[in-house]
PDB file of N, CA and C in Angstrom:
ATOM      1  N   MET A   1       1.596   7.937 -16.538  1.00  0.00           N
ATOM      2  CA  MET A   1       0.936   7.849 -15.257  1.00  0.00           C
ATOM      3  C   MET A   1       0.323   6.466 -15.093  1.00  0.00           C
ATOM      4  N   LEU A   2       0.326   5.982 -13.855  1.00  0.00           N
ATOM      5  CA  LEU A   2      -0.220   4.666 -13.559  1.00  0.00           C
ATOM      6  C   LEU A   2      -1.745   4.671 -13.610  1.00  0.00           C
ATOM      7  N   SER A   3      -2.307   3.555 -14.013  1.00  0.00           N
ATOM      8  CA  SER A   3      -3.759   3.400 -13.955  1.00  0.00           C
ATOM      9  C   SER A   3      -4.143   2.959 -12.540  1.00  0.00           C
ATOM     10  N   CYS A   4      -5.410   3.077 -12.215  1.00  0.00           N
ATOM     11  CA  CYS A   4      -5.884   2.636 -10.900  1.00  0.00           C
ATOM     12  C   CYS A   4      -5.626   1.138 -10.705  1.00  0.00           C
ATOM     13  N   LYS A   5      -5.762   0.369 -11.758  1.00  0.00           N
ATOM     14  CA  LYS A   5      -5.506  -1.070 -11.676  1.00  0.00           C
ATOM     15  C   LYS A   5      -4.040  -1.334 -11.323  1.00  0.00           C
ATOM     16  N   GLU A   6      -3.130  -0.608 -11.961  1.00  0.00           N
ATOM     17  CA  GLU A   6      -1.705  -0.767 -11.658  1.00  0.00           C
ATOM     18  C   GLU A   6      -1.390  -0.328 -10.232  1.00  0.00           C
ATOM     19  N   VAL A   7      -2.051   0.728  -9.780  1.00  0.00           N
ATOM     20  CA  VAL A   7      -1.831   1.231  -8.423  1.00  0.00           C
ATOM     21  C   VAL A   7      -2.279   0.206  -7.391  1.00  0.00           C
ATOM     22  N   THR A   8      -3.451  -0.380  -7.573  1.00  0.00           N
ATOM     23  CA  THR A   8      -3.917  -1.375  -6.604  1.00  0.00           C
ATOM     24  C   THR A   8      -2.976  -2.579  -6.571  1.00  0.00           C
ATOM     25  N   HIS A   9      -2.439  -2.943  -7.722  1.00  0.00           N
ATOM     26  CA  HIS A   9      -1.469  -4.040  -7.775  1.00  0.00           C
ATOM     27  C   HIS A   9      -0.204  -3.674  -6.997  1.00  0.00           C
ATOM     28  N   LEU A  10       0.321  -2.473  -7.212  1.00  0.00           N
ATOM     29  CA  LEU A  10       1.516  -2.033  -6.489  1.00  0.00           C
ATOM     30  C   LEU A  10       1.270  -1.923  -4.990  1.00  0.00           C
ATOM     31  N   LEU A  11       0.107  -1.430  -4.605  1.00  0.00           N
ATOM     32  CA  LEU A  11      -0.207  -1.335  -3.184  1.00  0.00           C
ATOM     33  C   LEU A  11      -0.250  -2.712  -2.540  1.00  0.00           C
ATOM     34  N   SER A  12      -0.792  -3.679  -3.241  1.00  0.00           N
ATOM     35  CA  SER A  12      -0.808  -5.049  -2.730  1.00  0.00           C
ATOM     36  C   SER A  12       0.610  -5.597  -2.622  1.00  0.00           C
ATOM     37  N   GLU A  13       1.415  -5.366  -3.642  1.00  0.00           N
ATOM     38  CA  GLU A  13       2.793  -5.839  -3.623  1.00  0.00           C
ATOM     39  C   GLU A  13       3.613  -5.172  -2.523  1.00  0.00           C
ATOM     40  N   SER A  14       3.286  -3.919  -2.208  1.00  0.00           N
ATOM     41  CA  SER A  14       4.054  -3.197  -1.195  1.00  0.00           C
ATOM     42  C   SER A  14       3.887  -3.815   0.191  1.00  0.00           C
ATOM     43  N   GLN A  15       2.877  -4.653   0.368  1.00  0.00           N
ATOM     44  CA  GLN A  15       2.702  -5.346   1.638  1.00  0.00           C
ATOM     45  C   GLN A  15       3.720  -6.475   1.796  1.00  0.00           C
ATOM     46  N   ASP A  16       4.285  -6.945   0.680  1.00  0.00           N
ATOM     47  CA  ASP A  16       5.209  -8.078   0.697  1.00  0.00           C
ATOM     48  C   ASP A  16       6.651  -7.720   0.373  1.00  0.00           C
ATOM     49  N   ARG A  17       6.854  -6.593  -0.286  1.00  0.00           N
ATOM     50  CA  ARG A  17       8.218  -6.203  -0.673  1.00  0.00           C
ATOM     51  C   ARG A  17       8.336  -4.685  -0.688  1.00  0.00           C
ATOM     52  N   LYS A  18       9.579  -4.225  -0.605  1.00  0.00           N
ATOM     53  CA  LYS A  18       9.816  -2.792  -0.704  1.00  0.00           C
ATOM     54  C   LYS A  18       9.784  -2.401  -2.182  1.00  0.00           C
ATOM     55  N   LEU A  19       8.999  -1.392  -2.489  1.00  0.00           N
ATOM     56  CA  LEU A  19       8.900  -0.939  -3.876  1.00  0.00           C
ATOM     57  C   LEU A  19      10.145  -0.152  -4.257  1.00  0.00           C
ATOM     58  N   ALA A  20      10.489  -0.199  -5.535  1.00  0.00           N
ATOM     59  CA  ALA A  20      11.611   0.569  -6.060  1.00  0.00           C
ATOM     60  C   ALA A  20      11.272   2.060  -6.005  1.00  0.00           C
ATOM     61  N   LEU A  21      12.286   2.880  -6.028  1.00  0.00           N
ATOM     62  CA  LEU A  21      12.095   4.327  -5.934  1.00  0.00           C
ATOM     63  C   LEU A  21      11.144   4.837  -7.016  1.00  0.00           C
ATOM     64  N   GLY A  22      11.307   4.408  -8.242  1.00  0.00           N
ATOM     65  CA  GLY A  22      10.430   4.840  -9.334  1.00  0.00           C
ATOM     66  C   GLY A  22       8.986   4.441  -9.104  1.00  0.00           C
ATOM     67  N   GLU A  23       8.796   3.223  -8.600  1.00  0.00           N
ATOM     68  CA  GLU A  23       7.443   2.759  -8.306  1.00  0.00           C
ATOM     69  C   GLU A  23       6.814   3.619  -7.212  1.00  0.00           C
ATOM     70  N   ARG A  24       7.584   3.895  -6.162  1.00  0.00           N
ATOM     71  CA  ARG A  24       7.065   4.713  -5.060  1.00  0.00           C
ATOM     72  C   ARG A  24       6.730   6.124  -5.520  1.00  0.00           C
ATOM     73  N   MET A  25       7.548   6.691  -6.393  1.00  0.00           N
ATOM     74  CA  MET A  25       7.296   8.049  -6.879  1.00  0.00           C
ATOM     75  C   MET A  25       6.027   8.098  -7.724  1.00  0.00           C
ATOM     76  N   ARG A  26       5.892   7.166  -8.667  1.00  0.00           N
ATOM     77  CA  ARG A  26       4.695   7.140  -9.515  1.00  0.00           C
ATOM     78  C   ARG A  26       3.442   6.863  -8.688  1.00  0.00           C
ATOM     79  N   LEU A  27       3.598   5.997  -7.673  1.00  0.00           N
ATOM     80  CA  LEU A  27       2.486   5.692  -6.784  1.00  0.00           C
ATOM     81  C   LEU A  27       2.060   6.930  -6.000  1.00  0.00           C
ATOM     82  N   SER A  28       3.020   7.668  -5.476  1.00  0.00           N
ATOM     83  CA  SER A  28       2.718   8.883  -4.706  1.00  0.00           C
ATOM     84  C   SER A  28       1.991   9.925  -5.549  1.00  0.00           C
ATOM     85  N   ILE A  29       2.434  10.093  -6.780  1.00  0.00           N
ATOM     86  CA  ILE A  29       1.798  11.067  -7.679  1.00  0.00           C
ATOM     87  C   ILE A  29       0.342  10.673  -7.918  1.00  0.00           C
ATOM     88  N   HIS A  30       0.120   9.388  -8.204  1.00  0.00           N
ATOM     89  CA  HIS A  30      -1.240   8.926  -8.470  1.00  0.00           C
ATOM     90  C   HIS A  30      -2.113   9.087  -7.226  1.00  0.00           C
ATOM     91  N   LEU A  31      -1.586   8.693  -6.065  1.00  0.00           N
ATOM     92  CA  LEU A  31      -2.365   8.765  -4.832  1.00  0.00           C
ATOM     93  C   LEU A  31      -2.727  10.200  -4.465  1.00  0.00           C
ATOM     94  N   ALA A  32      -1.872  11.150  -4.839  1.00  0.00           N
ATOM     95  CA  ALA A  32      -2.157  12.559  -4.562  1.00  0.00           C
ATOM     96  C   ALA A  32      -3.356  13.054  -5.365  1.00  0.00           C
ATOM     97  N   MET A  33      -3.632  12.400  -6.488  1.00  0.00           N
ATOM     98  CA  MET A  33      -4.708  12.848  -7.370  1.00  0.00           C
ATOM     99  C   MET A  33      -5.953  11.967  -7.334  1.00  0.00           C
ATOM    100  N   CYS A  34      -5.852  10.755  -6.800  1.00  0.00           N
ATOM    101  CA  CYS A  34      -6.959   9.796  -6.894  1.00  0.00           C
ATOM    102  C   CYS A  34      -7.487   9.431  -5.505  1.00  0.00           C
ATOM    103  N   LYS A  35      -8.672   9.911  -5.216  1.00  0.00           N
ATOM    104  CA  LYS A  35      -9.285   9.664  -3.910  1.00  0.00           C
ATOM    105  C   LYS A  35      -9.614   8.180  -3.717  1.00  0.00           C
ATOM    106  N   GLY A  36     -10.059   7.524  -4.767  1.00  0.00           N
ATOM    107  CA  GLY A  36     -10.415   6.111  -4.663  1.00  0.00           C
ATOM    108  C   GLY A  36      -9.228   5.236  -4.307  1.00  0.00           C
ATOM    109  N   CYS A  37      -8.105   5.466  -4.952  1.00  0.00           N
ATOM    110  CA  CYS A  37      -6.905   4.674  -4.660  1.00  0.00           C
ATOM    111  C   CYS A  37      -6.343   5.007  -3.282  1.00  0.00           C
ATOM    112  N   SER A  38      -6.469   6.254  -2.867  1.00  0.00           N
ATOM    113  CA  SER A  38      -6.033   6.636  -1.522  1.00  0.00           C
ATOM    114  C   SER A  38      -6.859   5.898  -0.468  1.00  0.00           C
ATOM    115  N   ARG A  39      -8.144   5.780  -0.711  1.00  0.00           N
ATOM    116  CA  ARG A  39      -9.001   5.032   0.212  1.00  0.00           C
ATOM    117  C   ARG A  39      -8.631   3.554   0.219  1.00  0.00           C
ATOM    118  N   TYR A  40      -8.357   3.007  -0.961  1.00  0.00           N
ATOM    119  CA  TYR A  40      -7.947   1.598  -1.052  1.00  0.00           C
ATOM    120  C   TYR A  40      -6.670   1.379  -0.256  1.00  0.00           C
ATOM    121  N   ARG A  41      -5.731   2.312  -0.358  1.00  0.00           N
ATOM    122  CA  ARG A  41      -4.468   2.198   0.387  1.00  0.00           C
ATOM    123  C   ARG A  41      -4.730   2.137   1.893  1.00  0.00           C
ATOM    124  N   LYS A  42      -5.593   2.992   2.390  1.00  0.00           N
ATOM    125  CA  LYS A  42      -5.919   2.985   3.823  1.00  0.00           C
ATOM    126  C   LYS A  42      -6.589   1.667   4.209  1.00  0.00           C
ATOM    127  N   GLN A  43      -7.462   1.162   3.350  1.00  0.00           N
ATOM    128  CA  GLN A  43      -8.155  -0.091   3.646  1.00  0.00           C
ATOM    129  C   GLN A  43      -7.189  -1.266   3.684  1.00  0.00           C
ATOM    130  N   ILE A  44      -6.280  -1.337   2.716  1.00  0.00           N
ATOM    131  CA  ILE A  44      -5.353  -2.458   2.668  1.00  0.00           C
ATOM    132  C   ILE A  44      -4.368  -2.397   3.844  1.00  0.00           C
ATOM    133  N   GLN A  45      -3.975  -1.189   4.265  1.00  0.00           N
ATOM    134  CA  GLN A  45      -3.109  -1.050   5.431  1.00  0.00           C
ATOM    135  C   GLN A  45      -3.839  -1.493   6.697  1.00  0.00           C
ATOM    136  N   PHE A  46      -5.111  -1.110   6.828  1.00  0.00           N
ATOM    137  CA  PHE A  46      -5.907  -1.515   7.983  1.00  0.00           C
ATOM    138  C   PHE A  46      -6.034  -3.036   8.036  1.00  0.00           C
ATOM    139  N   ILE A  47      -6.343  -3.653   6.914  1.00  0.00           N
ATOM    140  CA  ILE A  47      -6.509  -5.108   6.864  1.00  0.00           C
ATOM    141  C   ILE A  47      -5.196  -5.801   7.214  1.00  0.00           C
ATOM    142  N   HIS A  48      -4.084  -5.290   6.703  1.00  0.00           N
ATOM    143  CA  HIS A  48      -2.776  -5.883   6.993  1.00  0.00           C
ATOM    144  C   HIS A  48      -2.478  -5.817   8.488  1.00  0.00           C
ATOM    145  N   ARG A  49      -2.706  -4.640   9.094  1.00  0.00           N
ATOM    146  CA  ARG A  49      -2.461  -4.498  10.535  1.00  0.00           C
ATOM    147  C   ARG A  49      -3.375  -5.419  11.344  1.00  0.00           C
ATOM    148  N   ALA A  50      -4.629  -5.502  10.955  1.00  0.00           N
ATOM    149  CA  ALA A  50      -5.576  -6.365  11.671  1.00  0.00           C
ATOM    150  C   ALA A  50      -5.156  -7.830  11.596  1.00  0.00           C
ATOM    151  N   CYS A  51      -4.718  -8.252  10.441  1.00  0.00           N
ATOM    152  CA  CYS A  51      -4.265  -9.641  10.287  1.00  0.00           C
ATOM    153  C   CYS A  51      -3.020  -9.902  11.127  1.00  0.00           C
ATOM    154  N   GLN A  52      -2.100  -8.951  11.155  1.00  0.00           N
ATOM    155  CA  GLN A  52      -0.889  -9.110  11.961  1.00  0.00           C
ATOM    156  C   GLN A  52      -1.245  -9.239  13.443  1.00  0.00           C
ATOM    157  N   GLU A  53      -2.170  -8.431  13.911  1.00  0.00           N
ATOM    158  CA  GLU A  53      -2.593  -8.511  15.307  1.00  0.00           C
ATOM    159  C   GLU A  53      -3.330  -9.810  15.592  1.00  0.00           C
ATOM    160  N   LEU A  54      -4.117 -10.256  14.654  1.00  0.00           N
ATOM    161  CA  LEU A  54      -4.885 -11.484  14.819  1.00  0.00           C
ATOM    162  C   LEU A  54      -3.975 -12.692  14.982  1.00  0.00           C
ATOM    163  N   ILE A  55      -2.914 -12.750  14.198  1.00  0.00           N
ATOM    164  CA  ILE A  55      -2.006 -13.899  14.290  1.00  0.00           C
ATOM    165  C   ILE A  55      -0.865 -13.648  15.267  1.00  0.00           C
ATOM    166  N   GLY A  56      -0.827 -12.453  15.841  1.00  0.00           N
ATOM    167  CA  GLY A  56       0.141 -12.161  16.890  1.00  0.00           C
ATOM    168  C   GLY A  56       1.545 -11.871  16.427  1.00  0.00           C
ATOM    169  N   LYS A  57       1.724 -11.533  15.169  1.00  0.00           N
ATOM    170  CA  LYS A  57       3.058 -11.188  14.673  1.00  0.00           C
ATOM    171  C   LYS A  57       3.303  -9.712  14.885  1.00  0.00           C
ATOM    172  N   PRO A  58       4.485  -9.354  15.354  1.00  0.00           N
ATOM    173  CA  PRO A  58       4.806  -7.932  15.525  1.00  0.00           C
ATOM    174  C   PRO A  58       4.945  -7.240  14.183  1.00  0.00           C
ATOM    175  N   GLN A  59       4.594  -5.961  14.160  1.00  0.00           N
ATOM    176  CA  GLN A  59       4.739  -5.159  12.943  1.00  0.00           C
ATOM    177  C   GLN A  59       6.193  -4.753  12.806  1.00  0.00           C
ATOM    178  N   ASP A  60       6.639  -4.520  11.560  1.00  0.00           N
ATOM    179  CA  ASP A  60       7.987  -4.028  11.368  1.00  0.00           C
ATOM    180  C   ASP A  60       8.039  -2.537  11.703  1.00  0.00           C
ATOM    181  N   VAL A  61       9.211  -1.966  11.695  1.00  0.00           N
ATOM    182  CA  VAL A  61       9.389  -0.577  12.132  1.00  0.00           C
ATOM    183  C   VAL A  61       8.706   0.433  11.223  1.00  0.00           C
ATOM    184  N   SER A  62       8.372   0.072   9.994  1.00  0.00           N
ATOM    185  CA  SER A  62       7.712   1.016   9.087  1.00  0.00           C
ATOM    186  C   SER A  62       6.211   1.104   9.361  1.00  0.00           C
ATOM    187  N   GLY A  63       5.702   0.293  10.296  1.00  0.00           N
ATOM    188  CA  GLY A  63       4.283   0.339  10.612  1.00  0.00           C
ATOM    189  C   GLY A  63       3.426  -0.534   9.733  1.00  0.00           C
ATOM    190  N   ARG A  64       4.055  -1.361   8.911  1.00  0.00           N
ATOM    191  CA  ARG A  64       3.298  -2.250   8.032  1.00  0.00           C
ATOM    192  C   ARG A  64       2.984  -3.524   8.749  1.00  0.00           C
TER     193      ARG A  64
END
């Protein structure tokens, strides 16, 4: 199982690249059990969207 540190790293990387299937599966399992990492995921998604709107770049179809 991934540690919270590894999860935050993967969540950050997911903003720049598509994660591999194994990474996404391990991430999903951890997020289902860890409230802190789930909150971090929501925060990083919010910040990413806010930055995209601030600089006027359109979001991709996945909502990132």
